[in-house]
Each structure stands twice: as C-alpha cells, then as structure tokens.
Amino acid sequence: MVNFSWRPAQLGCVIRGFQRTSKFSRGLLLSLLLFGPLPAYADDLTWSSYSYPKFSEAIIATGPDALVYTDDKAPLYVFTRFVIEGSSTEQWTESLELLNTQRKNEPKNVKAWYDRFKAEGAEHCQSDWQVLSESRKTLMFERRSGDCPPFAAQHALYRVLYGKNEVFVFTATRIGEMDAATREGWLGLLRSAEIKR
C-alpha cells in the first residue's frame, strides 16, 4: 500500500510507505516533490492507493517515466493528471485528475459546487449523473457521457472535498465504460481521501 500526501502549494506529492530506501525510491521522491515551506493556509490532502493498485503501478513502478502532467496556475488552481493507461498525458484511456483551488473562489458548499458543475456540463454534453454519497464537506458522484466531439464516451467518478481554505476535486476517468472491478477500485481510492490540518 502507498499513501499519498498532497500539498498543492508545494506542487508535488509526498509518497509515504516505502519499505526500502533505494536510490530509485529516493530519486522518485525527489522528482515528485518540490521542496519549500508550506504556507499556513494550506490544507493537507491524503489518500491511499491500496484499493486500486493499478494507480501505484502506473505512477510509482514507472518512476521518472510516469505520465504525470501538472498545470500550475497558483494561487488560482493547480491541476494534475496521472495517466494510468495511455501513451502520453494527452492520449490516454484511464486517468486520475486532481484539481485544487482556493475555497474563497468556489461556491459556498459542495452541493452548490455540484449543481454548478452539472449545469455547465449539461451545456456541452448529455450525461447520466448519480450522486453516490454526500456530507457537509464532501460529495462523491458518477457521470457517464456519450460521444461529445472532440471527446469520446467516458465514465467518470468524482469526489469533491471542501477544506478550511481549499477545495480538492478528484476525477477518475475511463474512456468508454469502467468494468465493475475498476469502478470499485477507484471508489475505494476516492473514499480514502481526507483533508488534515
């Protein structure tokens, strides 16, 4: 199992849980982490890949060759795409995306965020939506979309988490339809995410 601690202000993820301190492991940690002080306003997001080992295999086992794309427009947002299956960060069939924004720039709660996102999505593509779980600070939902050029049909699972100062949005997407095992694996990973202060 590998646990991830995401600190967007540092533009990287710290990987915990390595049992060995090989040169490869140290190199991977250095390649994924930009060192620097963590601002006092930052929320600390953690999650585990235990329920979906394919994520760890794609990101950790491939080391420096992992397909990871980051668009850093801090303080507005930081967007990262982890490619699980694909030939590049633009040509993929399965990915996990993580968007981090400042809470002050988002709707006041997760339900309002979901309503806005769904309305914007409906303008571009016909989709089937299903809320899977909801609480005061987090919402998980599923979206199945047909072909909407230039996008192919997709099956996506989302989890939105509201922290004290930041909002995190996970999107696990498969081009086409996810099989049951893939869906359950992604749901487990998304459920494991939590914000710590």
Protein backbone atom coordinates (compact mmCIF):
# COMPACT_ATOMS: atom_id res chain seq x y z
CA MET A 1 0.00 0.00 0.00
CA VAL A 2 1.18 3.51 -0.77
CA ASN A 3 -0.21 6.55 0.99
CA PHE A 4 -0.12 9.91 -0.71
CA SER A 5 0.01 13.30 0.94
CA TRP A 6 -0.83 16.11 -1.44
CA ARG A 7 0.30 19.62 -0.73
CA PRO A 8 -0.54 21.65 -3.83
CA ALA A 9 1.32 24.69 -2.58
CA GLN A 10 4.46 22.58 -2.95
CA LEU A 11 3.34 21.33 -6.38
CA GLY A 12 4.03 17.72 -5.67
CA CYS A 13 3.02 14.65 -3.75
CA VAL A 14 4.97 13.03 -0.96
CA ILE A 15 4.85 9.28 -1.12
CA ARG A 16 4.80 7.51 2.22
CA GLY A 17 5.00 3.81 2.81
CA PHE A 18 8.21 2.80 1.04
CA GLN A 19 9.83 -0.05 2.96
CA ARG A 20 13.16 0.41 1.18
CA THR A 21 15.29 3.49 0.70
CA SER A 22 16.81 2.51 -2.61
CA LYS A 23 18.36 5.02 -4.98
CA PHE A 24 15.28 4.62 -7.14
CA SER A 25 12.93 5.45 -4.24
CA ARG A 26 14.96 8.49 -3.23
CA GLY A 27 15.12 9.64 -6.83
CA LEU A 28 11.39 9.23 -7.26
CA LEU A 29 10.69 11.19 -4.11
CA LEU A 30 12.94 13.99 -5.27
CA SER A 31 11.38 14.01 -8.73
CA LEU A 32 7.84 14.22 -7.33
CA LEU A 33 8.42 16.76 -4.56
CA LEU A 34 9.30 20.40 -4.92
CA PHE A 35 10.77 21.42 -1.62
CA GLY A 36 9.66 24.60 0.08
CA PRO A 37 7.83 25.86 3.13
CA LEU A 38 4.15 25.01 3.32
CA PRO A 39 2.04 28.17 3.62
CA ALA A 40 -0.04 28.43 6.77
CA TYR A 41 -3.29 28.44 4.76
CA ALA A 42 -2.67 25.11 3.02
CA ASP A 43 -4.87 22.11 3.68
CA ASP A 44 -3.15 18.71 3.62
CA LEU A 45 -4.90 16.09 1.47
CA THR A 46 -4.07 12.42 1.93
CA TRP A 47 -5.25 9.29 0.15
CA SER A 48 -4.32 5.64 -0.22
CA SER A 49 -3.87 3.59 -3.39
CA TYR A 50 -4.48 0.33 -1.51
CA SER A 51 -7.84 -0.36 -3.16
CA TYR A 52 -6.57 0.36 -6.68
CA PRO A 53 -3.01 -0.99 -7.06
CA LYS A 54 -3.06 -0.13 -10.76
CA PHE A 55 -2.59 3.52 -9.75
CA SER A 56 0.56 2.72 -7.77
CA GLU A 57 1.88 0.52 -10.56
CA ALA A 58 1.41 3.25 -13.16
CA ILE A 59 2.80 6.12 -11.11
CA ILE A 60 5.40 4.56 -8.81
CA ALA A 61 6.67 1.49 -10.65
CA THR A 62 7.47 3.52 -13.76
CA GLY A 63 9.43 6.11 -11.74
CA PRO A 64 10.66 9.07 -13.77
CA ASP A 65 8.83 7.70 -16.83
CA ALA A 66 5.43 8.04 -15.14
CA LEU A 67 2.99 10.05 -17.20
CA VAL A 68 2.11 12.97 -14.94
CA TYR A 69 1.09 16.43 -16.13
CA THR A 70 0.75 19.48 -13.88
CA ASP A 71 -0.72 22.86 -14.78
CA ASP A 72 0.23 25.26 -12.01
CA LYS A 73 -1.71 28.49 -12.00
CA ALA A 74 -1.41 29.03 -8.24
CA PRO A 75 -2.97 30.68 -6.44
CA LEU A 76 -5.95 30.23 -8.79
CA TYR A 77 -5.58 26.48 -9.23
CA VAL A 78 -3.23 23.54 -9.54
CA PHE A 79 -4.32 20.74 -11.89
CA THR A 80 -2.54 17.38 -12.10
CA ARG A 81 -3.28 14.41 -14.35
CA PHE A 82 -1.90 10.95 -13.51
CA VAL A 83 -2.15 8.69 -16.56
CA ILE A 84 -2.93 5.09 -15.66
CA GLU A 85 -3.27 3.80 -19.23
CA GLY A 86 -2.12 5.72 -22.26
CA SER A 87 0.78 6.77 -24.42
CA SER A 88 1.03 10.38 -23.20
CA THR A 89 -0.60 12.88 -20.87
CA GLU A 90 -2.86 13.89 -23.76
CA GLN A 91 -3.54 10.44 -25.27
CA TRP A 92 -4.92 8.22 -22.53
CA THR A 93 -7.72 5.78 -21.79
CA GLU A 94 -7.64 5.93 -17.98
CA SER A 95 -6.51 8.69 -15.66
CA LEU A 96 -6.85 10.28 -12.25
CA GLU A 97 -7.04 14.06 -12.20
CA LEU A 98 -6.74 16.25 -9.14
CA LEU A 99 -7.78 19.88 -9.14
CA ASN A 100 -7.00 22.16 -6.21
CA THR A 101 -8.50 25.65 -5.86
CA GLN A 102 -8.94 28.22 -3.13
CA ARG A 103 -12.22 27.83 -1.33
CA LYS A 104 -12.95 31.55 -1.49
CA ASN A 105 -13.19 31.23 -5.30
CA GLU A 106 -15.70 28.36 -5.23
CA PRO A 107 -19.40 28.01 -4.36
CA LYS A 108 -20.08 28.09 -0.64
CA ASN A 109 -20.65 24.33 -0.24
CA VAL A 110 -20.21 21.01 -2.06
CA LYS A 111 -23.86 20.81 -3.15
CA ALA A 112 -23.63 24.24 -4.80
CA TRP A 113 -20.36 23.17 -6.46
CA TYR A 114 -22.02 20.03 -7.85
CA ASP A 115 -25.07 21.94 -9.10
CA ARG A 116 -22.85 24.43 -10.94
CA PHE A 117 -20.64 21.70 -12.41
CA LYS A 118 -23.65 19.69 -13.59
CA ALA A 119 -25.26 22.75 -15.21
CA GLU A 120 -22.01 23.61 -17.02
CA GLY A 121 -21.61 20.00 -18.14
CA ALA A 122 -25.15 19.85 -19.49
CA GLU A 123 -24.34 22.72 -21.86
CA HIS A 124 -21.62 20.67 -23.55
CA CYS A 125 -22.59 17.01 -23.32
CA GLN A 126 -25.59 14.84 -22.50
CA SER A 127 -24.69 12.77 -19.43
CA ASP A 128 -26.20 10.48 -16.83
CA TRP A 129 -25.45 11.73 -13.31
CA GLN A 130 -25.72 9.93 -9.98
CA VAL A 131 -24.79 11.23 -6.52
CA LEU A 132 -23.17 8.34 -4.64
CA SER A 133 -22.60 9.98 -1.24
CA GLU A 134 -22.85 13.42 0.28
CA SER A 135 -21.99 15.08 3.56
CA ARG A 136 -21.42 18.64 4.68
CA LYS A 137 -17.85 18.85 3.30
CA THR A 138 -17.64 16.14 0.64
CA LEU A 139 -19.65 14.80 -2.26
CA MET A 140 -19.00 11.79 -4.50
CA PHE A 141 -20.78 11.32 -7.81
CA GLU A 142 -20.69 9.40 -11.06
CA ARG A 143 -21.05 10.68 -14.61
CA ARG A 144 -21.49 8.68 -17.80
CA SER A 145 -21.20 10.70 -21.01
CA GLY A 146 -21.76 9.66 -24.61
CA ASP A 147 -19.61 10.80 -27.52
CA CYS A 148 -19.31 14.59 -27.43
CA PRO A 149 -16.72 15.56 -30.04
CA PRO A 150 -13.91 16.19 -29.55
CA PHE A 151 -14.38 13.92 -26.50
CA ALA A 152 -15.08 10.21 -26.66
CA ALA A 153 -17.66 8.50 -24.45
CA GLN A 154 -16.45 8.47 -20.84
CA HIS A 155 -17.29 7.01 -17.46
CA ALA A 156 -16.04 9.15 -14.57
CA LEU A 157 -16.15 9.09 -10.78
CA TYR A 158 -15.70 12.34 -8.86
CA ARG A 159 -15.06 13.28 -5.27
CA VAL A 160 -15.19 16.90 -4.13
CA LEU A 161 -13.70 17.77 -0.74
CA TYR A 162 -14.05 21.15 0.94
CA GLY A 163 -11.25 22.01 3.37
CA LYS A 164 -10.93 25.06 5.54
CA ASN A 165 -9.17 27.07 2.84
CA GLU A 166 -9.07 24.86 -0.24
CA VAL A 167 -11.25 22.68 -2.46
CA PHE A 168 -9.98 19.41 -3.95
CA VAL A 169 -11.67 17.62 -6.83
CA PHE A 170 -10.69 14.07 -7.79
CA THR A 171 -11.77 12.75 -11.20
CA ALA A 172 -11.15 9.11 -12.10
CA THR A 173 -11.99 8.66 -15.77
CA ARG A 174 -12.10 5.76 -18.19
CA ILE A 175 -12.70 6.27 -21.90
CA GLY A 176 -15.66 4.02 -22.64
CA GLU A 177 -17.15 2.14 -19.68
CA MET A 178 -15.42 1.05 -16.46
CA ASP A 179 -15.79 -2.61 -15.58
CA ALA A 180 -17.09 -3.42 -12.09
CA ALA A 181 -13.64 -4.15 -10.59
CA THR A 182 -12.15 -0.91 -11.94
CA ARG A 183 -15.12 1.08 -10.65
CA GLU A 184 -14.84 -0.46 -7.17
CA GLY A 185 -11.09 0.15 -7.08
CA TRP A 186 -11.48 3.82 -7.95
CA LEU A 187 -14.32 4.24 -5.45
CA GLY A 188 -12.08 2.82 -2.73
CA LEU A 189 -9.26 5.22 -3.61
CA LEU A 190 -11.63 8.20 -3.68
CA ARG A 191 -13.22 7.21 -0.36
CA SER A 192 -9.78 7.07 1.26
CA ALA A 193 -9.12 10.76 0.60
CA GLU A 194 -9.30 13.08 3.57
CA ILE A 195 -8.16 16.56 4.46
CA LYS A 196 -5.99 17.01 7.52
CA ARG A 197 -4.95 20.29 9.13
